[in-house]
Amino acid sequence: MTAADSPIIVAVEANDESRGIVTRAARLAAQHQVPLHIINVLPPIAEAYADLNFTPFSEHTYQLFEAQRQKQLETLHAQLGGITQAMEAADINCDLQVLEGIPEQVINQHARETGALMIVMGLHNHHGLSRLLGSTTANVLNHAPCDMLAVHPATDAANRIATDSTMETAPHKHVLVAVDASSHCATVLVRATTFVSEAEQYVILSVIQPLTTIYAASHAGKSENLNFNQIQGEIEQQCRQHVTTATANAGLDTHRIRLPLGDVKPQILAEAQDMQADLIVMGTNARGLMARLLLGSTTRGILDRSPCDVYVVHNGADGEHADESIR
């Protein structure tokens, strides 16, 4: 499968937010000249009543699902008709489907089967118990085989109501690219070029966690052979060199790099607020199941509290586009 065959998948609900999310996805599909797959996922009836036996009523439940599926299709066509027509007029394939299953499983399965370039979904910030349980977007991210764009409802991208005759939406104007000193940094920066090329402002942020937050300073003084300041200085120097090299290789301005000391998540969110970012580009640091549920990765923490759209660059050998630019 070639990159031109790899669709952008946008997963939506049949609500008022779907138009802004699809408009953003349509712009990206037109930019990259790839198909757009719009999918809505209906959970099976049995999922809501997991311990009941629906076998005797299988025909009735099928008819009920089909009726609901048709209703969803009609609603989505009414909401998105202008966008899909504009896509077809631009000679870009656009497919609209209502599928059955557990949303996060169906979305990721569809992405794998089609070799998707990226998944686009709405972003809903969560707190407390809802954050512990997780949103569909976060659950998709946990196992996504490709990059993901989470569109924040408060941004102009999501709230803008496109006219019936266009699929245009403004590019992101203030882009924050958050990277670390891992090997994934280079991929994140290459992916970011798609967005910063049209931005008015961008910052490349690599937050260096102070060594004293990992090894308490009170214990450091007890070791005559351990100079925390010297080690911290070496860490900062190596991080700067790695990020600068990766930035230059991606064709981005090395003068845009900032390497503050601090806690990663608060620093990223504070920078996003200060620069009025409408997009954060970052990688995903995959963790085990319990870590995702209880502690979460930096990426999950940003998704929970981001004031803007978040583009997450997939990190994994299973992704077909894990090491290539999407420009």
Protein backbone atom coordinates (compact mmCIF):
# COMPACT_ATOMS: atom_id res chain seq x y z
CA MET A 1 0.00 0.00 0.00
CA THR A 2 1.42 3.39 -1.02
CA ALA A 3 1.16 6.60 1.00
CA ALA A 4 -1.36 7.91 -1.56
CA ASP A 5 -3.66 4.98 -0.70
CA SER A 6 -3.40 5.53 3.05
CA PRO A 7 -6.47 7.41 4.27
CA ILE A 8 -6.98 9.90 7.02
CA ILE A 9 -9.60 8.43 9.34
CA VAL A 10 -11.86 10.84 11.20
CA ALA A 11 -14.01 9.27 13.91
CA VAL A 12 -17.01 11.37 14.90
CA GLU A 13 -20.24 11.32 16.82
CA ALA A 14 -23.48 12.59 15.30
CA ASN A 15 -23.37 15.94 17.11
CA ASP A 16 -22.64 19.62 16.47
CA GLU A 17 -18.88 19.23 17.01
CA SER A 18 -18.48 16.75 14.16
CA ARG A 19 -18.52 19.40 11.42
CA GLY A 20 -15.51 21.28 12.79
CA ILE A 21 -13.56 18.05 13.33
CA VAL A 22 -14.29 16.76 9.82
CA THR A 23 -13.45 20.16 8.32
CA ARG A 24 -10.00 19.98 9.91
CA ALA A 25 -9.52 16.38 8.72
CA ALA A 26 -10.71 17.29 5.21
CA ARG A 27 -8.14 20.06 5.00
CA LEU A 28 -5.37 17.62 5.88
CA ALA A 29 -6.65 15.05 3.38
CA ALA A 30 -6.65 17.69 0.64
CA GLN A 31 -3.19 18.87 1.68
CA HIS A 32 -1.74 15.36 1.46
CA GLN A 33 -3.94 14.21 -1.42
CA VAL A 34 -5.17 11.10 0.39
CA PRO A 35 -8.66 9.62 0.90
CA LEU A 36 -10.80 10.63 3.86
CA HIS A 37 -12.72 7.96 5.78
CA ILE A 38 -15.42 9.35 8.08
CA ILE A 39 -16.59 6.73 10.56
CA ASN A 40 -19.13 6.66 13.34
CA VAL A 41 -19.16 3.66 15.68
CA LEU A 42 -22.29 2.32 17.34
CA PRO A 43 -21.71 -0.02 20.29
CA PRO A 44 -23.60 -3.33 20.08
CA ILE A 45 -26.75 -3.61 22.18
CA ALA A 46 -25.29 -6.54 24.09
CA GLU A 47 -22.43 -4.32 25.27
CA ALA A 48 -24.82 -2.37 27.50
CA TYR A 49 -26.24 -5.58 28.95
CA ALA A 50 -23.15 -7.75 29.10
CA ASP A 51 -24.59 -10.58 31.22
CA LEU A 52 -27.80 -11.11 29.27
CA ASN A 53 -28.39 -13.64 26.50
CA PHE A 54 -29.56 -11.89 23.32
CA THR A 55 -29.37 -14.98 21.08
CA PRO A 56 -33.17 -15.53 21.01
CA PHE A 57 -33.61 -11.92 19.89
CA SER A 58 -30.73 -11.73 17.42
CA GLU A 59 -32.99 -10.87 14.48
CA HIS A 60 -34.71 -8.10 16.43
CA THR A 61 -31.45 -6.63 17.72
CA TYR A 62 -30.05 -6.68 14.16
CA GLN A 63 -33.09 -4.79 12.89
CA LEU A 64 -32.78 -2.30 15.74
CA PHE A 65 -29.11 -1.72 14.95
CA GLU A 66 -29.78 -1.30 11.23
CA ALA A 67 -32.50 1.25 11.95
CA GLN A 68 -30.17 3.20 14.21
CA ARG A 69 -27.30 2.91 11.72
CA GLN A 70 -29.48 4.34 8.95
CA LYS A 71 -30.59 7.19 11.21
CA GLN A 72 -26.97 7.99 12.08
CA LEU A 73 -26.02 7.98 8.39
CA GLU A 74 -28.82 10.36 7.55
CA THR A 75 -27.83 12.70 10.39
CA LEU A 76 -24.16 12.69 9.37
CA HIS A 77 -24.96 13.24 5.69
CA ALA A 78 -27.11 16.23 6.67
CA GLN A 79 -24.33 17.65 8.86
CA LEU A 80 -21.39 16.91 6.56
CA GLY A 81 -22.89 16.91 3.08
CA GLY A 82 -21.24 20.15 1.99
CA ILE A 83 -17.81 18.95 3.09
CA THR A 84 -18.07 15.57 1.37
CA GLN A 85 -19.27 17.23 -1.85
CA ALA A 86 -16.31 19.62 -1.75
CA MET A 87 -13.97 16.66 -1.30
CA GLU A 88 -15.47 14.91 -4.32
CA ALA A 89 -15.25 18.11 -6.36
CA ALA A 90 -11.54 18.25 -5.49
CA ASP A 91 -11.21 14.65 -6.76
CA ILE A 92 -10.47 13.31 -3.26
CA ASN A 93 -12.18 10.10 -2.25
CA CYS A 94 -14.46 10.53 0.77
CA ASP A 95 -16.20 7.58 2.43
CA LEU A 96 -18.80 7.78 5.21
CA GLN A 97 -19.61 4.67 7.26
CA VAL A 98 -21.43 3.72 10.46
CA LEU A 99 -19.82 0.65 12.01
CA GLU A 100 -20.71 -1.59 14.95
CA GLY A 101 -18.44 -2.44 17.85
CA ILE A 102 -16.42 -1.04 20.73
CA PRO A 103 -15.36 2.40 19.42
CA GLU A 104 -11.65 2.32 20.30
CA GLN A 105 -11.29 -1.23 18.97
CA VAL A 106 -13.15 -0.55 15.72
CA ILE A 107 -11.30 2.72 15.05
CA ASN A 108 -7.86 1.17 15.53
CA GLN A 109 -8.80 -1.94 13.56
CA HIS A 110 -9.99 0.21 10.67
CA ALA A 111 -6.74 2.18 10.86
CA ARG A 112 -4.66 -1.01 10.70
CA GLU A 113 -6.67 -2.56 7.87
CA THR A 114 -6.45 0.57 5.71
CA GLY A 115 -2.86 1.51 6.61
CA ALA A 116 -4.12 4.88 7.82
CA LEU A 117 -1.89 7.92 7.68
CA MET A 118 -3.51 9.37 10.80
CA ILE A 119 -6.63 9.30 12.97
CA VAL A 120 -8.52 12.52 13.70
CA MET A 121 -10.90 12.70 16.68
CA GLY A 122 -12.45 15.23 19.02
CA LEU A 123 -10.69 15.99 22.29
CA HIS A 124 -12.63 16.24 25.53
CA ASN A 125 -10.65 17.17 28.64
CA HIS A 126 -11.36 14.92 31.63
CA HIS A 127 -10.80 15.19 35.35
CA GLY A 128 -11.16 12.96 38.37
CA LEU A 129 -12.92 9.64 37.83
CA SER A 130 -13.57 10.31 34.13
CA ARG A 131 -9.83 10.80 33.63
CA LEU A 132 -9.10 7.51 35.43
CA LEU A 133 -11.58 5.64 33.25
CA GLY A 134 -10.41 7.42 30.13
CA SER A 135 -12.10 8.88 27.08
CA THR A 136 -12.52 7.16 23.74
CA THR A 137 -9.83 9.41 22.25
CA ALA A 138 -7.31 8.48 24.94
CA ASN A 139 -8.21 4.80 24.65
CA VAL A 140 -7.66 4.91 20.88
CA LEU A 141 -4.31 6.60 21.45
CA ASN A 142 -3.17 3.78 23.75
CA HIS A 143 -3.13 1.34 20.84
CA ALA A 144 -3.19 3.55 17.73
CA PRO A 145 -1.08 2.19 14.85
CA CYS A 146 -0.50 5.68 13.42
CA ASP A 147 -0.37 9.38 14.28
CA MET A 148 -3.42 11.04 15.85
CA LEU A 149 -4.80 14.57 15.78
CA ALA A 150 -7.09 15.38 18.71
CA VAL A 151 -9.20 18.44 17.88
CA HIS A 152 -10.09 20.60 20.87
CA PRO A 153 -13.70 21.92 20.89
CA ALA A 154 -12.58 25.34 22.13
CA THR A 155 -10.27 26.05 19.18
CA ASP A 156 -11.29 27.91 16.05
CA ALA A 157 -10.63 24.70 14.10
CA ALA A 158 -13.43 22.87 15.89
CA ASN A 159 -15.87 25.74 16.34
CA ARG A 160 -15.62 27.19 12.84
CA ILE A 161 -18.75 26.36 10.83
CA ALA A 162 -17.70 25.81 7.25
CA THR A 163 -19.99 26.90 4.47
CA ASP A 164 -21.77 24.29 2.39
CA SER A 165 -19.51 24.98 -0.58
CA THR A 166 -16.07 24.67 1.03
CA MET A 167 -13.97 22.41 3.19
CA GLU A 168 -11.48 25.15 4.02
CA THR A 169 -10.37 25.91 7.55
CA ALA A 170 -7.52 28.11 8.73
CA PRO A 171 -4.14 26.48 9.36
CA HIS A 172 -2.79 26.39 12.88
CA LYS A 173 -1.08 29.71 13.57
CA HIS A 174 0.76 29.13 16.86
CA VAL A 175 2.43 25.71 17.07
CA LEU A 176 4.26 24.27 20.06
CA VAL A 177 6.49 21.28 19.24
CA ALA A 178 7.28 19.37 22.44
CA VAL A 179 10.13 16.86 22.21
CA ASP A 180 12.49 14.97 24.45
CA ALA A 181 16.03 13.75 23.81
CA SER A 182 14.98 10.27 22.70
CA SER A 183 15.47 8.88 19.20
CA HIS A 184 11.76 9.64 18.57
CA CYS A 185 12.59 13.36 18.66
CA ALA A 186 13.71 13.34 15.01
CA THR A 187 10.42 11.81 13.81
CA VAL A 188 8.33 14.29 15.80
CA LEU A 189 10.22 17.24 14.32
CA VAL A 190 9.86 15.94 10.76
CA ARG A 191 6.12 15.47 11.28
CA ALA A 192 5.89 18.97 12.75
CA THR A 193 7.11 20.53 9.50
CA THR A 194 3.66 19.88 8.01
CA PHE A 195 2.15 22.32 10.51
CA VAL A 196 4.89 24.88 11.19
CA SER A 197 5.33 25.58 7.46
CA GLU A 198 2.02 27.49 7.57
CA ALA A 199 2.27 28.80 11.13
CA GLU A 200 2.91 32.41 12.13
CA GLN A 201 4.84 31.30 15.21
CA TYR A 202 6.35 28.09 16.48
CA VAL A 203 8.44 27.03 19.45
CA ILE A 204 10.42 23.83 19.90
CA LEU A 205 10.31 22.94 23.59
CA SER A 206 12.35 20.24 25.29
CA VAL A 207 11.82 20.25 29.04
CA ILE A 208 14.71 18.84 31.05
CA GLN A 209 13.65 17.22 34.29
CA PRO A 210 15.94 18.27 37.15
CA LEU A 211 18.04 15.43 38.45
CA THR A 212 17.09 16.37 41.99
CA THR A 213 13.47 15.40 41.31
CA ILE A 214 14.64 11.86 40.58
CA TYR A 215 17.40 11.63 43.22
CA ALA A 216 16.61 13.85 46.19
CA ALA A 217 19.24 16.52 46.79
CA SER A 218 19.30 15.70 50.48
CA HIS A 219 20.85 12.33 49.63
CA ALA A 220 23.20 13.66 46.99
CA GLY A 221 25.44 15.42 49.48
CA LYS A 222 26.17 12.16 51.25
CA SER A 223 28.11 10.87 48.25
CA GLU A 224 31.54 12.45 47.77
CA ASN A 225 31.81 10.95 44.29
CA LEU A 226 28.50 12.28 42.98
CA ASN A 227 28.40 15.86 41.75
CA PHE A 228 24.78 16.59 40.84
CA ASN A 229 25.56 19.97 39.25
CA GLN A 230 28.17 18.42 36.99
CA ILE A 231 25.86 15.59 35.93
CA GLN A 232 22.95 17.99 35.41
CA GLY A 233 25.16 20.19 33.24
CA GLU A 234 26.19 17.20 31.12
CA ILE A 235 22.53 16.16 30.71
CA GLU A 236 21.56 19.66 29.56
CA GLN A 237 24.48 19.83 27.12
CA GLN A 238 23.67 16.47 25.54
CA CYS A 239 19.95 17.28 25.32
CA ARG A 240 20.66 20.59 23.62
CA GLN A 241 23.04 18.97 21.15
CA HIS A 242 20.58 16.16 20.31
CA VAL A 243 17.56 18.45 19.88
CA THR A 244 19.56 21.03 17.90
CA THR A 245 20.86 18.37 15.50
CA ALA A 246 17.39 16.86 15.00
CA THR A 247 15.88 20.32 14.48
CA ALA A 248 18.46 21.26 11.85
CA ASN A 249 18.02 17.91 10.08
CA ALA A 250 14.26 18.55 9.90
CA GLY A 251 14.91 21.93 8.26
CA LEU A 252 13.55 23.91 11.20
CA ASP A 253 14.98 27.01 12.87
CA THR A 254 17.29 26.07 15.75
CA HIS A 255 16.77 29.53 17.26
CA ARG A 256 13.22 28.44 18.14
CA ILE A 257 14.51 25.86 20.65
CA ARG A 258 13.84 26.31 24.36
CA LEU A 259 15.21 23.90 26.99
CA PRO A 260 13.84 24.89 30.41
CA LEU A 261 14.36 22.89 33.60
CA GLY A 262 11.20 21.69 35.30
CA ASP A 263 8.31 19.25 35.44
CA VAL A 264 7.45 18.24 31.87
CA LYS A 265 3.64 18.42 31.77
CA PRO A 266 3.23 21.77 33.59
CA GLN A 267 5.99 23.33 31.50
CA ILE A 268 4.40 22.25 28.21
CA LEU A 269 0.95 23.46 29.27
CA ALA A 270 2.34 26.76 30.57
CA GLU A 271 4.22 27.38 27.31
CA ALA A 272 1.08 26.56 25.32
CA GLN A 273 -0.89 29.11 27.36
CA ASP A 274 1.81 31.78 27.12
CA MET A 275 2.14 31.58 23.33
CA GLN A 276 -1.62 31.04 22.84
CA ALA A 277 -0.89 27.82 20.98
CA ASP A 278 -3.63 26.36 18.84
CA LEU A 279 -1.65 23.14 18.29
CA ILE A 280 0.76 21.04 20.32
CA VAL A 281 2.83 18.49 18.40
CA MET A 282 4.41 15.76 20.50
CA GLY A 283 5.38 12.10 20.58
CA THR A 284 3.83 9.34 22.61
CA ASN A 285 5.83 7.52 25.26
CA ALA A 286 4.04 4.17 25.45
CA ARG A 287 3.75 2.50 28.85
CA GLY A 288 2.24 -0.64 30.26
CA LEU A 289 -1.48 -1.06 30.89
CA MET A 290 -1.44 -0.12 34.57
CA ALA A 291 0.74 2.90 33.92
CA ARG A 292 -1.70 4.11 31.29
CA LEU A 293 -4.68 3.63 33.61
CA LEU A 294 -3.24 4.97 36.85
CA LEU A 295 -0.27 7.21 36.13
CA GLY A 296 -0.50 7.95 32.44
CA SER A 297 2.18 9.13 30.07
CA THR A 298 3.18 12.73 29.46
CA THR A 299 1.08 12.61 26.31
CA ARG A 300 -2.00 11.44 28.20
CA GLY A 301 -1.50 14.19 30.77
CA ILE A 302 -1.37 16.81 28.02
CA LEU A 303 -4.51 15.41 26.37
CA ASP A 304 -6.32 15.64 29.70
CA ARG A 305 -5.59 19.36 30.12
CA SER A 306 -4.61 20.79 26.74
CA PRO A 307 -6.14 24.18 25.83
CA CYS A 308 -5.80 23.41 22.12
CA ASP A 309 -5.49 20.72 19.44
CA VAL A 310 -2.87 18.01 20.01
CA TYR A 311 -1.08 16.10 17.26
CA VAL A 312 0.49 12.90 18.60
CA VAL A 313 3.25 11.28 16.56
CA HIS A 314 3.11 7.51 16.76
CA ASN A 315 6.15 5.77 18.22
CA GLY A 316 6.31 2.12 17.27
CA ALA A 317 7.62 -0.25 14.63
CA ASP A 318 4.11 -1.50 13.84
CA GLY A 319 3.04 1.79 12.27
CA GLU A 320 3.41 1.80 8.50
CA HIS A 321 4.28 5.49 8.50
CA ALA A 322 6.31 5.52 11.69
CA ASP A 323 9.51 6.75 10.04
CA GLU A 324 8.39 8.82 7.07
CA SER A 325 7.25 12.38 6.60
CA ILE A 326 3.60 13.06 5.85
CA ARG A 327 4.34 16.26 3.97
